[in-house]
């Protein structure tokens, strides 16, 4: 990495950061769970929940398409930021770095709750089919 801005871009945009992958894994598990529950119960509400779990992947694809379309502008902006940070470093000014950590707790709770609901739904459907 040549400059500090390169490092900051790497940290903030790196798809291998654990929080990003944890969130994608949780959404994939939720998607698989809702689709398998829909196949067993045929309750259409599970398809809407499955659509919710596909949103991060649609966002990922649209972000990549946008990046490819605006590649030249992004390079120019990154070069301007590099020059500005280099100037600030040479002058001895402090550089403030904003970085957030994403822990997908709510998404995990949603998938866990969905697991329990779907388990109960599948069990009740199996019981009803045995009685008939």
Foldseek 3Di string as FASTA:
>chain_A
DPFPLVVLCCVQVPCPDVQNVVLLVLLVLLLVLLVVLCVLQVDCVSVVSNVVSCVVVVVVVVVVVVCVVCVVVVVVVSVVVRVVVVVCVVVVHDDDHDDDGHHPPVSNVVSVVSNVVSVVSNVVVVVVVVVD
